[in-house]
Amino acid sequence: MVNDKIKDKLKEKINASVDGRSYTVEVESDLNSKANALFGSGIGKSFLQYLENITTNNIHGAGLGIESLAHFEGQRWIVALLKHRTEMGRKLGQ
């Protein structure tokens, strides 16, 4: 009985979320809807463009240390994650 419940819970999870984790379909949809509500229009969209400009569109010189490079790549990943979730949330609302 308990094993069946665990199996059912595992079936509810999606294989790969955009952030590399596993969520239920409901949680994944909720995260995407919230991202779209925050960053899909108006001030949030403008702010996301600002974040993209200071991370993704920023070019660093060749002498950058590995620690700094890792830090900047982490920033870029977060902004890309926000953009992707916003787009998926927009598609949910259509």
N, C-alpha and C. Protein backbone atom coordinates (compact mmCIF):
# COMPACT_ATOMS: atom_id res chain seq x y z
N MET A 1 0.82 -1.19 0.00
CA MET A 1 0.00 0.00 0.00
C MET A 1 0.87 1.26 0.00
N VAL A 2 1.86 1.30 0.90
CA VAL A 2 2.74 2.46 0.97
C VAL A 2 3.56 2.58 -0.31
N ASN A 3 4.04 1.45 -0.82
CA ASN A 3 4.83 1.48 -2.06
C ASN A 3 4.01 2.00 -3.23
N ASP A 4 2.73 1.68 -3.28
CA ASP A 4 1.86 2.19 -4.34
C ASP A 4 1.73 3.69 -4.26
N LYS A 5 1.61 4.22 -3.05
CA LYS A 5 1.52 5.67 -2.87
C LYS A 5 2.80 6.36 -3.32
N ILE A 6 3.94 5.75 -2.99
CA ILE A 6 5.22 6.32 -3.40
C ILE A 6 5.35 6.30 -4.92
N LYS A 7 4.95 5.20 -5.53
CA LYS A 7 4.99 5.09 -6.98
C LYS A 7 4.09 6.13 -7.64
N ASP A 8 2.90 6.34 -7.08
CA ASP A 8 1.99 7.35 -7.61
C ASP A 8 2.60 8.74 -7.52
N LYS A 9 3.25 9.03 -6.40
CA LYS A 9 3.90 10.34 -6.24
C LYS A 9 5.01 10.53 -7.26
N LEU A 10 5.78 9.48 -7.50
CA LEU A 10 6.86 9.57 -8.47
C LEU A 10 6.32 9.77 -9.88
N LYS A 11 5.19 9.15 -10.18
CA LYS A 11 4.58 9.32 -11.50
C LYS A 11 4.10 10.74 -11.71
N GLU A 12 3.70 11.40 -10.63
CA GLU A 12 3.22 12.78 -10.73
C GLU A 12 4.34 13.75 -11.07
N LYS A 13 5.58 13.40 -10.76
CA LYS A 13 6.70 14.29 -11.01
C LYS A 13 7.06 14.29 -12.49
N ILE A 14 7.49 15.44 -12.96
CA ILE A 14 7.97 15.51 -14.34
C ILE A 14 9.44 15.13 -14.35
N ASN A 15 9.94 14.71 -15.48
CA ASN A 15 11.30 14.21 -15.55
C ASN A 15 12.34 15.30 -15.32
N ALA A 16 12.27 16.38 -16.08
CA ALA A 16 13.30 17.40 -15.97
C ALA A 16 12.68 18.78 -16.09
N SER A 17 12.83 19.54 -15.05
CA SER A 17 12.39 20.92 -15.08
C SER A 17 13.51 21.75 -15.69
N VAL A 18 13.21 22.97 -16.03
CA VAL A 18 14.20 23.87 -16.62
C VAL A 18 15.37 24.12 -15.66
N ASP A 19 15.15 23.98 -14.37
CA ASP A 19 16.22 24.20 -13.39
C ASP A 19 16.92 22.91 -12.98
N GLY A 20 16.58 21.80 -13.63
CA GLY A 20 17.24 20.54 -13.35
C GLY A 20 16.66 19.74 -12.20
N ARG A 21 15.62 20.24 -11.58
CA ARG A 21 14.96 19.54 -10.48
C ARG A 21 13.69 18.88 -10.98
N SER A 22 13.09 18.08 -10.13
CA SER A 22 11.82 17.43 -10.47
C SER A 22 10.71 17.99 -9.61
N TYR A 23 9.63 18.37 -10.25
CA TYR A 23 8.45 18.91 -9.57
C TYR A 23 7.22 18.21 -10.10
N THR A 24 6.15 18.28 -9.33
CA THR A 24 4.87 17.83 -9.87
C THR A 24 4.46 18.81 -10.95
N VAL A 25 3.56 18.37 -11.80
CA VAL A 25 3.07 19.23 -12.88
C VAL A 25 2.44 20.50 -12.31
N GLU A 26 1.73 20.35 -11.19
CA GLU A 26 1.07 21.51 -10.58
C GLU A 26 2.09 22.54 -10.08
N VAL A 27 3.13 22.07 -9.44
CA VAL A 27 4.16 22.98 -8.92
C VAL A 27 4.90 23.66 -10.07
N GLU A 28 5.24 22.90 -11.09
CA GLU A 28 5.93 23.45 -12.26
C GLU A 28 5.07 24.53 -12.92
N SER A 29 3.80 24.26 -13.11
CA SER A 29 2.89 25.25 -13.71
C SER A 29 2.77 26.48 -12.83
N ASP A 30 2.70 26.28 -11.52
CA ASP A 30 2.59 27.40 -10.59
C ASP A 30 3.83 28.29 -10.65
N LEU A 31 5.01 27.68 -10.67
CA LEU A 31 6.25 28.46 -10.76
C LEU A 31 6.29 29.28 -12.05
N ASN A 32 5.91 28.65 -13.15
CA ASN A 32 5.93 29.34 -14.43
C ASN A 32 4.90 30.47 -14.48
N SER A 33 3.73 30.23 -13.93
CA SER A 33 2.69 31.28 -13.89
C SER A 33 3.14 32.47 -13.06
N LYS A 34 3.78 32.18 -11.93
CA LYS A 34 4.27 33.26 -11.07
C LYS A 34 5.37 34.06 -11.75
N ALA A 35 6.27 33.37 -12.44
CA ALA A 35 7.34 34.08 -13.16
C ALA A 35 6.74 34.99 -14.23
N ASN A 36 5.73 34.50 -14.93
CA ASN A 36 5.09 35.32 -15.95
C ASN A 36 4.35 36.50 -15.34
N ALA A 37 3.71 36.27 -14.20
CA ALA A 37 3.00 37.37 -13.54
C ALA A 37 3.98 38.46 -13.09
N LEU A 38 5.15 38.04 -12.63
CA LEU A 38 6.14 39.01 -12.15
C LEU A 38 6.90 39.70 -13.28
N PHE A 39 7.32 38.92 -14.29
CA PHE A 39 8.25 39.44 -15.29
C PHE A 39 7.70 39.49 -16.70
N GLY A 40 6.43 39.16 -16.89
CA GLY A 40 5.86 39.09 -18.23
C GLY A 40 5.47 40.42 -18.84
N SER A 41 5.30 41.43 -18.03
CA SER A 41 4.89 42.73 -18.57
C SER A 41 5.25 43.84 -17.59
N GLY A 42 5.15 45.05 -18.08
CA GLY A 42 5.32 46.23 -17.25
C GLY A 42 6.68 46.36 -16.61
N ILE A 43 6.67 46.75 -15.35
CA ILE A 43 7.89 47.01 -14.60
C ILE A 43 8.75 45.75 -14.49
N GLY A 44 8.12 44.61 -14.25
CA GLY A 44 8.86 43.36 -14.13
C GLY A 44 9.60 43.00 -15.40
N LYS A 45 8.96 43.21 -16.55
CA LYS A 45 9.61 42.93 -17.83
C LYS A 45 10.80 43.85 -18.04
N SER A 46 10.63 45.12 -17.70
CA SER A 46 11.73 46.08 -17.81
C SER A 46 12.88 45.70 -16.89
N PHE A 47 12.55 45.26 -15.69
CA PHE A 47 13.59 44.88 -14.75
C PHE A 47 14.33 43.63 -15.21
N LEU A 48 13.61 42.68 -15.79
CA LEU A 48 14.25 41.47 -16.33
C LEU A 48 15.19 41.84 -17.48
N GLN A 49 14.81 42.79 -18.30
CA GLN A 49 15.69 43.26 -19.37
C GLN A 49 16.95 43.91 -18.79
N TYR A 50 16.79 44.66 -17.72
CA TYR A 50 17.94 45.24 -17.03
C TYR A 50 18.87 44.14 -16.52
N LEU A 51 18.32 43.12 -15.88
CA LEU A 51 19.14 42.01 -15.38
C LEU A 51 19.87 41.31 -16.52
N GLU A 52 19.19 41.15 -17.64
CA GLU A 52 19.82 40.53 -18.80
C GLU A 52 20.99 41.39 -19.29
N ASN A 53 20.81 42.69 -19.30
CA ASN A 53 21.87 43.59 -19.77
C ASN A 53 23.11 43.54 -18.88
N ILE A 54 22.92 43.42 -17.57
CA ILE A 54 24.09 43.41 -16.70
C ILE A 54 24.70 42.03 -16.49
N THR A 55 24.05 41.00 -17.04
CA THR A 55 24.58 39.64 -16.88
C THR A 55 24.87 39.03 -18.25
N THR A 56 23.85 38.62 -18.94
CA THR A 56 23.99 37.90 -20.21
C THR A 56 24.69 38.74 -21.27
N ASN A 57 24.38 40.01 -21.36
CA ASN A 57 24.94 40.86 -22.39
C ASN A 57 26.26 41.52 -21.98
N ASN A 58 26.76 41.21 -20.81
CA ASN A 58 28.00 41.79 -20.33
C ASN A 58 29.18 40.91 -20.75
N ILE A 59 30.21 41.54 -21.31
CA ILE A 59 31.39 40.81 -21.77
C ILE A 59 32.52 41.07 -20.78
N HIS A 60 33.21 39.99 -20.41
CA HIS A 60 34.32 40.09 -19.46
C HIS A 60 35.63 39.81 -20.18
N GLY A 61 36.69 40.43 -19.69
CA GLY A 61 38.00 40.29 -20.31
C GLY A 61 38.63 38.93 -20.12
N ALA A 62 39.72 38.70 -20.85
CA ALA A 62 40.41 37.41 -20.85
C ALA A 62 41.10 37.11 -19.52
N GLY A 63 41.44 38.12 -18.75
CA GLY A 63 42.17 37.91 -17.51
C GLY A 63 41.29 37.60 -16.31
N LEU A 64 40.06 37.26 -16.54
CA LEU A 64 39.11 37.01 -15.45
C LEU A 64 39.46 35.71 -14.74
N GLY A 65 39.49 35.75 -13.42
CA GLY A 65 39.78 34.55 -12.64
C GLY A 65 38.63 33.56 -12.66
N ILE A 66 38.95 32.31 -12.37
CA ILE A 66 37.94 31.24 -12.42
C ILE A 66 36.82 31.47 -11.42
N GLU A 67 37.14 32.01 -10.25
CA GLU A 67 36.09 32.27 -9.25
C GLU A 67 35.12 33.32 -9.75
N SER A 68 35.66 34.38 -10.35
CA SER A 68 34.79 35.43 -10.89
C SER A 68 33.97 34.92 -12.06
N LEU A 69 34.61 34.14 -12.90
CA LEU A 69 33.89 33.58 -14.05
C LEU A 69 32.72 32.71 -13.59
N ALA A 70 32.97 31.86 -12.60
CA ALA A 70 31.90 31.01 -12.07
C ALA A 70 30.77 31.85 -11.50
N HIS A 71 31.10 32.92 -10.82
CA HIS A 71 30.10 33.82 -10.24
C HIS A 71 29.25 34.45 -11.35
N PHE A 72 29.90 34.98 -12.39
CA PHE A 72 29.17 35.62 -13.47
C PHE A 72 28.31 34.62 -14.25
N GLU A 73 28.81 33.41 -14.43
CA GLU A 73 28.03 32.40 -15.13
C GLU A 73 26.81 31.98 -14.31
N GLY A 74 26.94 31.97 -12.99
CA GLY A 74 25.80 31.69 -12.13
C GLY A 74 24.73 32.76 -12.26
N GLN A 75 25.16 34.01 -12.33
CA GLN A 75 24.21 35.11 -12.54
C GLN A 75 23.47 34.93 -13.86
N ARG A 76 24.21 34.62 -14.90
CA ARG A 76 23.61 34.43 -16.23
C ARG A 76 22.60 33.28 -16.21
N TRP A 77 22.94 32.21 -15.48
CA TRP A 77 22.05 31.06 -15.41
C TRP A 77 20.73 31.44 -14.74
N ILE A 78 20.82 32.20 -13.66
CA ILE A 78 19.60 32.62 -12.95
C ILE A 78 18.72 33.48 -13.85
N VAL A 79 19.32 34.43 -14.56
CA VAL A 79 18.53 35.30 -15.45
C VAL A 79 17.91 34.47 -16.58
N ALA A 80 18.66 33.54 -17.14
CA ALA A 80 18.12 32.69 -18.20
C ALA A 80 16.98 31.83 -17.66
N LEU A 81 17.11 31.35 -16.44
CA LEU A 81 16.05 30.58 -15.80
C LEU A 81 14.78 31.42 -15.64
N LEU A 82 14.92 32.65 -15.17
CA LEU A 82 13.77 33.54 -15.02
C LEU A 82 13.10 33.80 -16.37
N LYS A 83 13.90 34.05 -17.39
CA LYS A 83 13.35 34.30 -18.72
C LYS A 83 12.61 33.08 -19.25
N HIS A 84 13.20 31.91 -19.07
CA HIS A 84 12.57 30.69 -19.58
C HIS A 84 11.27 30.39 -18.84
N ARG A 85 11.27 30.52 -17.53
CA ARG A 85 10.04 30.29 -16.77
C ARG A 85 8.96 31.31 -17.13
N THR A 86 9.37 32.54 -17.37
CA THR A 86 8.42 33.58 -17.78
C THR A 86 7.78 33.21 -19.11
N GLU A 87 8.59 32.74 -20.04
CA GLU A 87 8.06 32.34 -21.35
C GLU A 87 7.13 31.14 -21.23
N MET A 88 7.52 30.16 -20.42
CA MET A 88 6.65 28.99 -20.24
C MET A 88 5.34 29.40 -19.57
N GLY A 89 5.39 30.33 -18.63
CA GLY A 89 4.18 30.82 -17.99
C GLY A 89 3.29 31.58 -18.95
N ARG A 90 3.91 32.32 -19.86
CA ARG A 90 3.14 33.04 -20.89
C ARG A 90 2.40 32.05 -21.78
N LYS A 91 3.08 30.97 -22.16
CA LYS A 91 2.45 29.95 -23.00
C LYS A 91 1.31 29.24 -22.29
N LEU A 92 1.44 29.08 -20.95
CA LEU A 92 0.35 28.47 -20.17
C LEU A 92 -0.91 29.33 -20.20
N GLY A 93 -0.71 30.64 -20.18
CA GLY A 93 -1.83 31.56 -20.13
C GLY A 93 -2.55 31.76 -21.45
N GLN A 94 -1.97 31.28 -22.53
CA GLN A 94 -2.59 31.49 -23.85
C GLN A 94 -3.71 30.51 -24.08
